[in-house]
Amino acid sequence: MLIKHTKKSQLKESQLTSESIYKDRRNIIKGFGLAALALPFAKPASAGLFDSFTGKDDASGDFQRTPLNFTKNPDYQSLTDLTPENKVLQYNNFYEFGTGKGDPYEHSQQFKVDPWSLTIDGLVDKPMTLNYEDLLKKFEIEERLYRMRCVEAWSMNIPWLGFTLATLLQQAGVKSDAKYVRFETVYDPEQMRGQRSRFVGGSINFPYVEGLTIEEAMNPLALLSVGLYGKTLAPQNGAPIRLVVPWKYGFKSIKSIVKITLTDKAPRNTWQAIGPHEYGFYANVNPLADHPRWSQRNERVIGEGNVFQQERKPTLMFNGYEEEVAHLYKGLDLLKNF
């Protein structure tokens, strides 16, 4: 759907976060169960990766990404300060490959994404299974520049390539009693070292699970991404297909999806199961709802240079997408329903 007016969420392209900063998320858990959560910001996994954190492009031996044909969605082409591409590729949270920010890049470059199988089932009229080629060629791919806000209080601005989640769900046919959408990440311990070891994988019970309400899933902002910065996704960014819901904290944007199930029951997402007092089902970006261990009122903007010495800016309600999504939560107490 073409939006004719400029939204408040649109930013200038000069503000888009570079690709290289996006790849690292926090070292949250070294072991849950009886252990406390780790510090909110992880250190670089090794001295050798630190150059990539400062913006140097060291891509020798990397997973080979393929250029994609796409159109630029005119409604999502204004964004501020593009995050350097090398940051997005090398500063990540993807516990399937390890809990350090550099682990996903360091330990995923041999990950195989073809063959791939994505199943859409549950309360749909036409259950379907898509293969790797389907993901890249069955849908019209567009570029959207979105903000990304991590629950750890850092942020990026990223040019995603993909198609709306609603497009896929409409092809499957949503039954009237479908209230929620459940997502599941691939379970492949042979390729994902974090799934072989509770210590390496942060004591998560894999496979990783996420969920949205059907209204959230059908919102035009909800994107299934197959690429960024003009090319297919790298493994550390969720290849070959991932969810992007820009008004929610980054952990809601589940990576490397193999199953999408429509259901009448709310799925219990992985972080909610691990720490329900810290991570709720909705996980909407809300500067007034602090994490129990740190404030969410401002964020560290990942840009050029040392990622641990970045400028800070105030966090926006719904990550700046209030105009597009606030109606989804009318009457809901966003401090209790976090």
C-alpha atoms as a PDB file:
ATOM      1  CA  MET A   1       0.000   0.000   0.000  1.00  0.00           C
ATOM      2  CA  LEU A   2       1.445   3.342  -1.035  1.00  0.00           C
ATOM      3  CA  ILE A   3       1.403   5.931   1.738  1.00  0.00           C
ATOM      4  CA  LYS A   4       1.042   9.354   0.192  1.00  0.00           C
ATOM      5  CA  HIS A   5       2.105  11.498   3.136  1.00  0.00           C
ATOM      6  CA  THR A   6       5.443  11.708   4.876  1.00  0.00           C
ATOM      7  CA  LYS A   7       5.464   9.966   8.241  1.00  0.00           C
ATOM      8  CA  LYS A   8       7.158  11.226  11.348  1.00  0.00           C
ATOM      9  CA  SER A   9       9.133   7.987  11.410  1.00  0.00           C
ATOM     10  CA  GLN A  10      10.898   8.805   8.157  1.00  0.00           C
ATOM     11  CA  LEU A  11      14.470   9.969   8.540  1.00  0.00           C
ATOM     12  CA  LYS A  12      17.041  11.422   6.228  1.00  0.00           C
ATOM     13  CA  GLU A  13      19.246   8.922   4.417  1.00  0.00           C
ATOM     14  CA  SER A  14      22.331  10.526   5.926  1.00  0.00           C
ATOM     15  CA  GLN A  15      21.207   9.148   9.301  1.00  0.00           C
ATOM     16  CA  LEU A  16      21.055   5.469   8.264  1.00  0.00           C
ATOM     17  CA  THR A  17      23.252   3.147  10.355  1.00  0.00           C
ATOM     18  CA  SER A  18      26.115   1.533   8.429  1.00  0.00           C
ATOM     19  CA  GLU A  19      25.915  -2.186   7.688  1.00  0.00           C
ATOM     20  CA  SER A  20      28.941  -3.202   9.735  1.00  0.00           C
ATOM     21  CA  ILE A  21      27.491  -2.059  13.086  1.00  0.00           C
ATOM     22  CA  TYR A  22      24.305  -4.064  13.014  1.00  0.00           C
ATOM     23  CA  LYS A  23      25.834  -7.499  13.586  1.00  0.00           C
ATOM     24  CA  ASP A  24      26.423  -7.556  17.333  1.00  0.00           C
ATOM     25  CA  ARG A  25      24.003  -7.913  20.189  1.00  0.00           C
ATOM     26  CA  ARG A  26      24.658  -8.231  23.866  1.00  0.00           C
ATOM     27  CA  ASN A  27      26.312 -10.972  25.853  1.00  0.00           C
ATOM     28  CA  ILE A  28      23.208 -11.343  28.008  1.00  0.00           C
ATOM     29  CA  ILE A  29      23.491 -14.792  29.485  1.00  0.00           C
ATOM     30  CA  LYS A  30      26.491 -16.968  30.253  1.00  0.00           C
ATOM     31  CA  GLY A  31      24.213 -19.351  32.065  1.00  0.00           C
ATOM     32  CA  PHE A  32      20.681 -18.785  33.290  1.00  0.00           C
ATOM     33  CA  GLY A  33      18.990 -21.289  35.590  1.00  0.00           C
ATOM     34  CA  LEU A  34      20.750 -20.335  38.812  1.00  0.00           C
ATOM     35  CA  ALA A  35      23.016 -17.795  37.162  1.00  0.00           C
ATOM     36  CA  ALA A  36      22.366 -14.075  36.813  1.00  0.00           C
ATOM     37  CA  LEU A  37      22.228 -12.334  33.479  1.00  0.00           C
ATOM     38  CA  ALA A  38      25.511 -11.053  32.157  1.00  0.00           C
ATOM     39  CA  LEU A  39      26.477  -7.420  31.627  1.00  0.00           C
ATOM     40  CA  PRO A  40      24.309  -5.661  29.053  1.00  0.00           C
ATOM     41  CA  PHE A  41      27.133  -4.945  26.642  1.00  0.00           C
ATOM     42  CA  ALA A  42      29.519  -7.596  25.435  1.00  0.00           C
ATOM     43  CA  LYS A  43      33.202  -7.088  24.780  1.00  0.00           C
ATOM     44  CA  PRO A  44      34.655  -7.843  21.348  1.00  0.00           C
ATOM     45  CA  ALA A  45      35.095 -11.581  20.932  1.00  0.00           C
ATOM     46  CA  SER A  46      38.738 -11.177  20.001  1.00  0.00           C
ATOM     47  CA  ALA A  47      41.280  -8.475  19.363  1.00  0.00           C
ATOM     48  CA  GLY A  48      41.264  -9.507  15.732  1.00  0.00           C
ATOM     49  CA  LEU A  49      37.657  -8.405  15.328  1.00  0.00           C
ATOM     50  CA  PHE A  50      38.121  -5.011  16.908  1.00  0.00           C
ATOM     51  CA  ASP A  51      39.156  -3.452  13.594  1.00  0.00           C
ATOM     52  CA  SER A  52      35.745  -4.345  12.175  1.00  0.00           C
ATOM     53  CA  PHE A  53      34.087  -2.621  15.122  1.00  0.00           C
ATOM     54  CA  THR A  54      35.941   0.563  14.227  1.00  0.00           C
ATOM     55  CA  GLY A  55      34.779   0.376  10.625  1.00  0.00           C
ATOM     56  CA  LYS A  56      37.566  -1.470   8.760  1.00  0.00           C
ATOM     57  CA  ASP A  57      36.386  -3.916   6.129  1.00  0.00           C
ATOM     58  CA  ASP A  58      38.009  -7.294   6.730  1.00  0.00           C
ATOM     59  CA  ALA A  59      35.852  -9.611   4.652  1.00  0.00           C
ATOM     60  CA  SER A  60      38.412 -12.213   3.525  1.00  0.00           C
ATOM     61  CA  GLY A  61      36.922 -15.695   3.678  1.00  0.00           C
ATOM     62  CA  ASP A  62      33.424 -14.388   4.436  1.00  0.00           C
ATOM     63  CA  PHE A  63      30.164 -16.023   3.451  1.00  0.00           C
ATOM     64  CA  GLN A  64      29.431 -15.016  -0.146  1.00  0.00           C
ATOM     65  CA  ARG A  65      26.406 -12.741  -0.441  1.00  0.00           C
ATOM     66  CA  THR A  66      24.564 -12.321  -3.739  1.00  0.00           C
ATOM     67  CA  PRO A  67      23.306  -9.015  -5.193  1.00  0.00           C
ATOM     68  CA  LEU A  68      19.499  -8.850  -5.315  1.00  0.00           C
ATOM     69  CA  ASN A  69      17.093  -7.212  -7.713  1.00  0.00           C
ATOM     70  CA  PHE A  70      14.848  -4.855  -5.782  1.00  0.00           C
ATOM     71  CA  THR A  71      12.885  -1.650  -5.908  1.00  0.00           C
ATOM     72  CA  LYS A  72      13.211   1.177  -3.416  1.00  0.00           C
ATOM     73  CA  ASN A  73       9.985   1.709  -1.500  1.00  0.00           C
ATOM     74  CA  PRO A  74       9.562   5.504  -1.645  1.00  0.00           C
ATOM     75  CA  ASP A  75       7.779   5.574   1.716  1.00  0.00           C
ATOM     76  CA  TYR A  76      10.814   4.162   3.515  1.00  0.00           C
ATOM     77  CA  GLN A  77      13.768   5.880   1.892  1.00  0.00           C
ATOM     78  CA  SER A  78      14.342   8.710   4.363  1.00  0.00           C
ATOM     79  CA  LEU A  79      16.531   7.695   7.263  1.00  0.00           C
ATOM     80  CA  THR A  80      19.298   9.335   9.221  1.00  0.00           C
ATOM     81  CA  ASP A  81      23.009   8.398   9.172  1.00  0.00           C
ATOM     82  CA  LEU A  82      23.392   5.031   7.476  1.00  0.00           C
ATOM     83  CA  THR A  83      25.150   2.584   9.788  1.00  0.00           C
ATOM     84  CA  PRO A  84      28.412   1.446   8.201  1.00  0.00           C
ATOM     85  CA  GLU A  85      27.889  -1.904   6.494  1.00  0.00           C
ATOM     86  CA  ASN A  86      30.855  -3.563   8.162  1.00  0.00           C
ATOM     87  CA  LYS A  87      29.408  -2.715  11.587  1.00  0.00           C
ATOM     88  CA  VAL A  88      26.078  -4.323  10.720  1.00  0.00           C
ATOM     89  CA  LEU A  89      27.909  -7.441   9.564  1.00  0.00           C
ATOM     90  CA  GLN A  90      30.229  -7.817  12.516  1.00  0.00           C
ATOM     91  CA  TYR A  91      28.386  -6.532  15.607  1.00  0.00           C
ATOM     92  CA  ASN A  92      25.493  -8.877  16.350  1.00  0.00           C
ATOM     93  CA  ASN A  93      23.406 -10.879  18.734  1.00  0.00           C
ATOM     94  CA  PHE A  94      22.743 -14.405  17.493  1.00  0.00           C
ATOM     95  CA  TYR A  95      23.283 -16.800  20.385  1.00  0.00           C
ATOM     96  CA  GLU A  96      23.117 -19.812  18.089  1.00  0.00           C
ATOM     97  CA  PHE A  97      26.699 -18.882  17.202  1.00  0.00           C
ATOM     98  CA  GLY A  98      27.778 -17.587  20.625  1.00  0.00           C
ATOM     99  CA  THR A  99      26.963 -14.822  23.103  1.00  0.00           C
ATOM    100  CA  GLY A 100      29.765 -12.390  22.246  1.00  0.00           C
ATOM    101  CA  LYS A 101      29.062  -9.576  19.815  1.00  0.00           C
ATOM    102  CA  GLY A 102      31.702 -10.852  17.400  1.00  0.00           C
ATOM    103  CA  ASP A 103      30.779 -14.546  17.741  1.00  0.00           C
ATOM    104  CA  PRO A 104      28.014 -14.587  15.112  1.00  0.00           C
ATOM    105  CA  TYR A 105      30.376 -13.205  12.466  1.00  0.00           C
ATOM    106  CA  GLU A 106      33.356 -15.299  13.519  1.00  0.00           C
ATOM    107  CA  HIS A 107      31.550 -18.634  13.729  1.00  0.00           C
ATOM    108  CA  SER A 108      28.943 -18.510  10.952  1.00  0.00           C
ATOM    109  CA  GLN A 109      30.775 -17.934   7.693  1.00  0.00           C
ATOM    110  CA  GLN A 110      30.481 -21.590   6.576  1.00  0.00           C
ATOM    111  CA  PHE A 111      26.757 -21.720   7.356  1.00  0.00           C
ATOM    112  CA  LYS A 112      24.728 -23.325   4.542  1.00  0.00           C
ATOM    113  CA  VAL A 113      21.472 -21.634   3.580  1.00  0.00           C
ATOM    114  CA  ASP A 114      20.685 -23.677   0.460  1.00  0.00           C
ATOM    115  CA  PRO A 115      18.802 -25.983   0.595  1.00  0.00           C
ATOM    116  CA  TRP A 116      16.333 -24.291   2.952  1.00  0.00           C
ATOM    117  CA  SER A 117      12.738 -24.980   3.901  1.00  0.00           C
ATOM    118  CA  LEU A 118      10.266 -22.479   5.368  1.00  0.00           C
ATOM    119  CA  THR A 119       6.914 -23.955   6.407  1.00  0.00           C
ATOM    120  CA  ILE A 120       3.747 -21.899   6.920  1.00  0.00           C
ATOM    121  CA  ASP A 121       1.089 -23.899   8.754  1.00  0.00           C
ATOM    122  CA  GLY A 122      -1.512 -23.849  11.513  1.00  0.00           C
ATOM    123  CA  LEU A 123      -4.698 -21.818  11.079  1.00  0.00           C
ATOM    124  CA  VAL A 124      -4.262 -21.130   7.370  1.00  0.00           C
ATOM    125  CA  ASP A 125      -6.319 -22.144   4.346  1.00  0.00           C
ATOM    126  CA  LYS A 126      -3.324 -23.220   2.276  1.00  0.00           C
ATOM    127  CA  PRO A 127      -0.345 -24.554   4.256  1.00  0.00           C
ATOM    128  CA  MET A 128       2.806 -24.163   2.199  1.00  0.00           C
ATOM    129  CA  THR A 129       6.518 -24.823   2.166  1.00  0.00           C
ATOM    130  CA  LEU A 130       8.957 -22.456   0.466  1.00  0.00           C
ATOM    131  CA  ASN A 131      12.471 -23.381  -0.628  1.00  0.00           C
ATOM    132  CA  TYR A 132      15.531 -21.139  -0.895  1.00  0.00           C
ATOM    133  CA  GLU A 133      14.770 -20.034  -4.456  1.00  0.00           C
ATOM    134  CA  ASP A 134      11.170 -19.221  -3.513  1.00  0.00           C
ATOM    135  CA  LEU A 135      12.353 -16.863  -0.781  1.00  0.00           C
ATOM    136  CA  LEU A 136      14.345 -14.800  -3.287  1.00  0.00           C
ATOM    137  CA  LYS A 137      12.155 -15.029  -6.402  1.00  0.00           C
ATOM    138  CA  LYS A 138       8.543 -15.716  -5.428  1.00  0.00           C
ATOM    139  CA  PHE A 139       7.959 -12.242  -3.979  1.00  0.00           C
ATOM    140  CA  GLU A 140       8.706  -8.737  -5.183  1.00  0.00           C
ATOM    141  CA  ILE A 141      11.629  -7.517  -3.102  1.00  0.00           C
ATOM    142  CA  GLU A 142      11.823  -3.913  -1.960  1.00  0.00           C
ATOM    143  CA  GLU A 143      14.309  -1.868   0.034  1.00  0.00           C
ATOM    144  CA  ARG A 144      13.182  -0.212   3.253  1.00  0.00           C
ATOM    145  CA  LEU A 145      15.353   1.886   5.518  1.00  0.00           C
ATOM    146  CA  TYR A 146      14.432   1.091   9.119  1.00  0.00           C
ATOM    147  CA  ARG A 147      15.685   2.004  12.557  1.00  0.00           C
ATOM    148  CA  MET A 148      16.767  -0.933  14.730  1.00  0.00           C
ATOM    149  CA  ARG A 149      16.784  -0.563  18.527  1.00  0.00           C
ATOM    150  CA  CYS A 150      18.332  -3.291  20.694  1.00  0.00           C
ATOM    151  CA  VAL A 151      16.996  -3.966  24.187  1.00  0.00           C
ATOM    152  CA  GLU A 152      20.582  -3.409  25.343  1.00  0.00           C
ATOM    153  CA  ALA A 153      20.120   0.313  24.566  1.00  0.00           C
ATOM    154  CA  TRP A 154      22.112   0.568  21.344  1.00  0.00           C
ATOM    155  CA  SER A 155      20.734   1.268  17.886  1.00  0.00           C
ATOM    156  CA  MET A 156      21.405   1.123  14.156  1.00  0.00           C
ATOM    157  CA  ASN A 157      19.764   2.295  10.946  1.00  0.00           C
ATOM    158  CA  ILE A 158      19.684  -0.396   8.257  1.00  0.00           C
ATOM    159  CA  PRO A 159      18.556  -0.721   4.606  1.00  0.00           C
ATOM    160  CA  TRP A 160      16.637  -4.011   4.599  1.00  0.00           C
ATOM    161  CA  LEU A 161      15.542  -5.922   1.496  1.00  0.00           C
ATOM    162  CA  GLY A 162      12.420  -8.037   1.656  1.00  0.00           C
ATOM    163  CA  PHE A 163       8.649  -8.257   1.444  1.00  0.00           C
ATOM    164  CA  THR A 164       5.883  -7.701   3.959  1.00  0.00           C
ATOM    165  CA  LEU A 165       4.885 -10.507   6.288  1.00  0.00           C
ATOM    166  CA  ALA A 166       1.274  -9.748   5.370  1.00  0.00           C
ATOM    167  CA  THR A 167       2.004 -10.651   1.741  1.00  0.00           C
ATOM    168  CA  LEU A 168       3.067 -14.154   2.735  1.00  0.00           C
ATOM    169  CA  LEU A 169       0.230 -14.661   5.218  1.00  0.00           C
ATOM    170  CA  GLN A 170      -2.335 -13.526   2.677  1.00  0.00           C
ATOM    171  CA  GLN A 171      -1.062 -16.116   0.200  1.00  0.00           C
ATOM    172  CA  ALA A 172      -1.446 -18.809   2.855  1.00  0.00           C
ATOM    173  CA  GLY A 173      -4.930 -17.551   3.759  1.00  0.00           C
ATOM    174  CA  VAL A 174      -5.438 -16.493   7.384  1.00  0.00           C
ATOM    175  CA  LYS A 175      -8.336 -18.281   9.108  1.00  0.00           C
ATOM    176  CA  SER A 176     -10.721 -16.150  11.151  1.00  0.00           C
ATOM    177  CA  ASP A 177      -9.762 -17.808  14.439  1.00  0.00           C
ATOM    178  CA  ALA A 178      -6.023 -17.059  14.002  1.00  0.00           C
ATOM    179  CA  LYS A 179      -5.001 -14.624  16.749  1.00  0.00           C
ATOM    180  CA  TYR A 180      -1.214 -15.002  16.860  1.00  0.00           C
ATOM    181  CA  VAL A 181       1.750 -15.869  14.676  1.00  0.00           C
ATOM    182  CA  ARG A 182       4.522 -18.093  16.045  1.00  0.00           C
ATOM    183  CA  PHE A 183       8.011 -18.082  14.480  1.00  0.00           C
ATOM    184  CA  GLU A 184      10.767 -20.645  14.914  1.00  0.00           C
ATOM    185  CA  THR A 185      14.478 -20.489  14.083  1.00  0.00           C
ATOM    186  CA  VAL A 186      16.303 -23.400  12.455  1.00  0.00           C
ATOM    187  CA  TYR A 187      17.663 -26.044  14.823  1.00  0.00           C
ATOM    188  CA  ASP A 188      20.982 -27.254  13.389  1.00  0.00           C
ATOM    189  CA  PRO A 189      23.566 -27.982  16.116  1.00  0.00           C
ATOM    190  CA  GLU A 190      26.093 -29.217  13.551  1.00  0.00           C
ATOM    191  CA  GLN A 191      26.279 -25.739  12.051  1.00  0.00           C
ATOM    192  CA  MET A 192      25.343 -23.650  15.101  1.00  0.00           C
ATOM    193  CA  ARG A 193      27.835 -24.078  17.917  1.00  0.00           C
ATOM    194  CA  GLY A 194      25.610 -22.317  20.448  1.00  0.00           C
ATOM    195  CA  GLN A 195      22.986 -25.028  20.027  1.00  0.00           C
ATOM    196  CA  ARG A 196      25.532 -27.683  20.975  1.00  0.00           C
ATOM    197  CA  SER A 197      26.517 -26.111  24.296  1.00  0.00           C
ATOM    198  CA  ARG A 198      24.400 -24.368  26.922  1.00  0.00           C
ATOM    199  CA  PHE A 199      27.476 -22.392  27.957  1.00  0.00           C
ATOM    200  CA  VAL A 200      28.265 -21.173  24.428  1.00  0.00           C
ATOM    201  CA  GLY A 201      24.598 -20.549  23.602  1.00  0.00           C
ATOM    202  CA  GLY A 202      23.676 -18.628  26.746  1.00  0.00           C
ATOM    203  CA  SER A 203      21.610 -21.428  28.322  1.00  0.00           C
ATOM    204  CA  ILE A 204      18.796 -20.919  25.822  1.00  0.00           C
ATOM    205  CA  ASN A 205      16.461 -23.816  25.130  1.00  0.00           C
ATOM    206  CA  PHE A 206      16.677 -23.960  21.347  1.00  0.00           C
ATOM    207  CA  PRO A 207      15.094 -23.653  18.869  1.00  0.00           C
ATOM    208  CA  TYR A 208      14.513 -19.913  19.330  1.00  0.00           C
ATOM    209  CA  VAL A 209      10.823 -18.924  19.270  1.00  0.00           C
ATOM    210  CA  GLU A 210       9.103 -15.582  18.768  1.00  0.00           C
ATOM    211  CA  GLY A 211       5.536 -14.382  18.358  1.00  0.00           C
ATOM    212  CA  LEU A 212       3.304 -11.520  17.229  1.00  0.00           C
ATOM    213  CA  THR A 213      -0.396 -10.838  17.402  1.00  0.00           C
ATOM    214  CA  ILE A 214      -2.131 -11.234  14.069  1.00  0.00           C
ATOM    215  CA  GLU A 215      -2.719  -7.470  13.988  1.00  0.00           C
ATOM    216  CA  GLU A 216       1.006  -6.817  14.456  1.00  0.00           C
ATOM    217  CA  ALA A 217       1.887  -9.386  11.812  1.00  0.00           C
ATOM    218  CA  MET A 218      -0.447  -7.799   9.257  1.00  0.00           C
ATOM    219  CA  ASN A 219       0.847  -4.274   9.900  1.00  0.00           C
ATOM    220  CA  PRO A 220       2.544  -2.879   6.753  1.00  0.00           C
ATOM    221  CA  LEU A 221       5.781  -2.256   8.694  1.00  0.00           C
ATOM    222  CA  ALA A 222       6.337  -5.944   9.536  1.00  0.00           C
ATOM    223  CA  LEU A 223       8.901  -7.200   7.029  1.00  0.00           C
ATOM    224  CA  LEU A 224      10.371 -10.558   6.114  1.00  0.00           C
ATOM    225  CA  SER A 225      13.910  -9.681   5.098  1.00  0.00           C
ATOM    226  CA  VAL A 226      16.071 -11.665   2.685  1.00  0.00           C
ATOM    227  CA  GLY A 227      18.846  -9.104   2.367  1.00  0.00           C
ATOM    228  CA  LEU A 228      20.462  -5.828   3.372  1.00  0.00           C
ATOM    229  CA  TYR A 229      22.761  -3.318   1.717  1.00  0.00           C
ATOM    230  CA  GLY A 230      21.756  -4.552  -1.746  1.00  0.00           C
ATOM    231  CA  LYS A 231      22.697  -8.201  -1.187  1.00  0.00           C
ATOM    232  CA  THR A 232      21.356 -11.347   0.416  1.00  0.00           C
ATOM    233  CA  LEU A 233      21.635 -11.682   4.185  1.00  0.00           C
ATOM    234  CA  ALA A 234      24.801 -12.928   5.819  1.00  0.00           C
ATOM    235  CA  PRO A 235      24.368 -15.834   8.288  1.00  0.00           C
ATOM    236  CA  GLN A 236      25.066 -13.605  11.296  1.00  0.00           C
ATOM    237  CA  ASN A 237      22.218 -11.332  10.171  1.00  0.00           C
ATOM    238  CA  GLY A 238      19.713 -14.170   9.881  1.00  0.00           C
ATOM    239  CA  ALA A 239      20.198 -15.712   6.429  1.00  0.00           C
ATOM    240  CA  PRO A 240      18.339 -16.685   4.432  1.00  0.00           C
ATOM    241  CA  ILE A 241      15.186 -15.087   5.891  1.00  0.00           C
ATOM    242  CA  ARG A 242      14.375 -13.186   9.067  1.00  0.00           C
ATOM    243  CA  LEU A 243      11.668 -11.026  10.571  1.00  0.00           C
ATOM    244  CA  VAL A 244      12.062  -7.248  10.989  1.00  0.00           C
ATOM    245  CA  VAL A 245       9.592  -5.429  13.267  1.00  0.00           C
ATOM    246  CA  PRO A 246      11.184  -1.998  13.681  1.00  0.00           C
ATOM    247  CA  TRP A 247       8.931  -0.678  16.453  1.00  0.00           C
ATOM    248  CA  LYS A 248       9.983  -3.516  18.784  1.00  0.00           C
ATOM    249  CA  TYR A 249      13.290  -4.359  20.441  1.00  0.00           C
ATOM    250  CA  GLY A 250      15.635  -6.273  18.167  1.00  0.00           C
ATOM    251  CA  PHE A 251      15.231  -9.671  19.803  1.00  0.00           C
ATOM    252  CA  LYS A 252      11.682  -9.826  18.425  1.00  0.00           C
ATOM    253  CA  SER A 253      13.087  -9.835  14.874  1.00  0.00           C
ATOM    254  CA  ILE A 254      13.803 -13.567  14.808  1.00  0.00           C
ATOM    255  CA  LYS A 255      16.510 -14.841  12.457  1.00  0.00           C
ATOM    256  CA  SER A 256      16.928 -17.828  10.110  1.00  0.00           C
ATOM    257  CA  ILE A 257      13.242 -18.766  10.205  1.00  0.00           C
ATOM    258  CA  VAL A 258      12.120 -22.283   9.245  1.00  0.00           C
ATOM    259  CA  LYS A 259       8.551 -22.286  10.546  1.00  0.00           C
ATOM    260  CA  ILE A 260       5.668 -19.797  10.758  1.00  0.00           C
ATOM    261  CA  THR A 261       2.554 -21.074  12.515  1.00  0.00           C
ATOM    262  CA  LEU A 262      -0.762 -19.267  12.889  1.00  0.00           C
ATOM    263  CA  THR A 263      -2.497 -20.115  16.140  1.00  0.00           C
ATOM    264  CA  ASP A 264      -5.267 -19.047  18.493  1.00  0.00           C
ATOM    265  CA  LYS A 265      -2.936 -19.129  21.510  1.00  0.00           C
ATOM    266  CA  ALA A 266      -0.196 -16.656  22.412  1.00  0.00           C
ATOM    267  CA  PRO A 267       3.230 -18.261  21.856  1.00  0.00           C
ATOM    268  CA  ARG A 268       5.742 -17.938  24.681  1.00  0.00           C
ATOM    269  CA  ASN A 269       8.762 -16.306  23.109  1.00  0.00           C
ATOM    270  CA  THR A 270      12.239 -17.450  24.113  1.00  0.00           C
ATOM    271  CA  TRP A 271      13.360 -14.430  26.151  1.00  0.00           C
ATOM    272  CA  GLN A 272       9.990 -14.230  27.870  1.00  0.00           C
ATOM    273  CA  ALA A 273      10.416 -17.857  28.949  1.00  0.00           C
ATOM    274  CA  ILE A 274      13.947 -17.205  30.231  1.00  0.00           C
ATOM    275  CA  GLY A 275      13.228 -13.999  32.147  1.00  0.00           C
ATOM    276  CA  PRO A 276       9.535 -13.048  32.254  1.00  0.00           C
ATOM    277  CA  HIS A 277      10.236 -10.204  34.718  1.00  0.00           C
ATOM    278  CA  GLU A 278      12.629  -8.623  32.189  1.00  0.00           C
ATOM    279  CA  TYR A 279      11.263  -9.582  28.756  1.00  0.00           C
ATOM    280  CA  GLY A 280       7.578  -9.515  27.914  1.00  0.00           C
ATOM    281  CA  PHE A 281       5.622 -10.714  24.908  1.00  0.00           C
ATOM    282  CA  TYR A 282       5.199  -7.316  23.251  1.00  0.00           C
ATOM    283  CA  ALA A 283       8.730  -5.892  23.671  1.00  0.00           C
ATOM    284  CA  ASN A 284       7.710  -2.553  22.163  1.00  0.00           C
ATOM    285  CA  VAL A 285      10.374   0.137  22.303  1.00  0.00           C
ATOM    286  CA  ASN A 286       9.254   2.352  25.194  1.00  0.00           C
ATOM    287  CA  PRO A 287      11.552   4.939  26.795  1.00  0.00           C
ATOM    288  CA  LEU A 288       9.253   5.061  29.855  1.00  0.00           C
ATOM    289  CA  ALA A 289       9.487   1.320  30.550  1.00  0.00           C
ATOM    290  CA  ASP A 290      13.000   0.703  31.848  1.00  0.00           C
ATOM    291  CA  HIS A 291      14.638  -2.680  31.799  1.00  0.00           C
ATOM    292  CA  PRO A 292      15.030  -3.801  35.441  1.00  0.00           C
ATOM    293  CA  ARG A 293      18.796  -3.375  35.124  1.00  0.00           C
ATOM    294  CA  TRP A 294      19.173  -0.291  32.928  1.00  0.00           C
ATOM    295  CA  SER A 295      17.322   2.708  31.549  1.00  0.00           C
ATOM    296  CA  GLN A 296      15.686   2.679  28.129  1.00  0.00           C
ATOM    297  CA  ARG A 297      15.391   6.471  27.944  1.00  0.00           C
ATOM    298  CA  ASN A 298      18.366   6.861  25.612  1.00  0.00           C
ATOM    299  CA  GLU A 299      20.445   4.732  23.294  1.00  0.00           C
ATOM    300  CA  ARG A 300      23.991   4.373  22.006  1.00  0.00           C
ATOM    301  CA  VAL A 301      23.953   5.035  18.250  1.00  0.00           C
ATOM    302  CA  ILE A 302      26.312   2.703  16.411  1.00  0.00           C
ATOM    303  CA  GLY A 303      28.319   4.558  13.789  1.00  0.00           C
ATOM    304  CA  GLU A 304      31.908   4.932  12.666  1.00  0.00           C
ATOM    305  CA  GLY A 305      34.670   4.325  15.197  1.00  0.00           C
ATOM    306  CA  ASN A 306      34.682   2.416  18.470  1.00  0.00           C
ATOM    307  CA  VAL A 307      31.202   0.984  19.059  1.00  0.00           C
ATOM    308  CA  PHE A 308      31.608   1.386  22.813  1.00  0.00           C
ATOM    309  CA  GLN A 309      32.248   5.132  22.544  1.00  0.00           C
ATOM    310  CA  GLN A 310      29.284   6.195  20.414  1.00  0.00           C
ATOM    311  CA  GLU A 311      27.077   9.225  20.882  1.00  0.00           C
ATOM    312  CA  ARG A 312      23.790   8.804  22.727  1.00  0.00           C
ATOM    313  CA  LYS A 313      20.360  10.094  21.767  1.00  0.00           C
ATOM    314  CA  PRO A 314      16.882   9.980  23.354  1.00  0.00           C
ATOM    315  CA  THR A 315      14.872   6.855  22.606  1.00  0.00           C
ATOM    316  CA  LEU A 316      11.624   7.436  20.705  1.00  0.00           C
ATOM    317  CA  MET A 317       8.329   5.798  21.592  1.00  0.00           C
ATOM    318  CA  PHE A 318       7.811   2.751  19.378  1.00  0.00           C
ATOM    319  CA  ASN A 319      11.286   3.545  18.013  1.00  0.00           C
ATOM    320  CA  GLY A 320       9.830   6.476  16.080  1.00  0.00           C
ATOM    321  CA  TYR A 321       6.992   4.497  14.455  1.00  0.00           C
ATOM    322  CA  GLU A 322       4.244   5.659  16.814  1.00  0.00           C
ATOM    323  CA  GLU A 323       2.089   7.055  14.024  1.00  0.00           C
ATOM    324  CA  GLU A 324       2.006   3.693  12.258  1.00  0.00           C
ATOM    325  CA  VAL A 325       1.546   1.301  15.197  1.00  0.00           C
ATOM    326  CA  ALA A 326       0.155   3.068  18.303  1.00  0.00           C
ATOM    327  CA  HIS A 327      -3.406   2.092  17.334  1.00  0.00           C
ATOM    328  CA  LEU A 328      -2.472  -1.580  17.806  1.00  0.00           C
ATOM    329  CA  TYR A 329      -2.170  -1.037  21.550  1.00  0.00           C
ATOM    330  CA  LYS A 330      -5.129   1.247  22.253  1.00  0.00           C
ATOM    331  CA  GLY A 331      -6.318   0.673  25.807  1.00  0.00           C
ATOM    332  CA  LEU A 332      -3.314  -1.499  26.690  1.00  0.00           C
ATOM    333  CA  ASP A 333      -1.144  -0.542  29.671  1.00  0.00           C
ATOM    334  CA  LEU A 334       2.299  -0.533  28.059  1.00  0.00           C
ATOM    335  CA  LEU A 335       4.079  -0.482  31.434  1.00  0.00           C
ATOM    336  CA  LYS A 336       2.364  -3.667  32.612  1.00  0.00           C
ATOM    337  CA  ASN A 337       2.215  -5.262  29.176  1.00  0.00           C
ATOM    338  CA  PHE A 338       5.838  -4.732  28.223  1.00  0.00           C
END
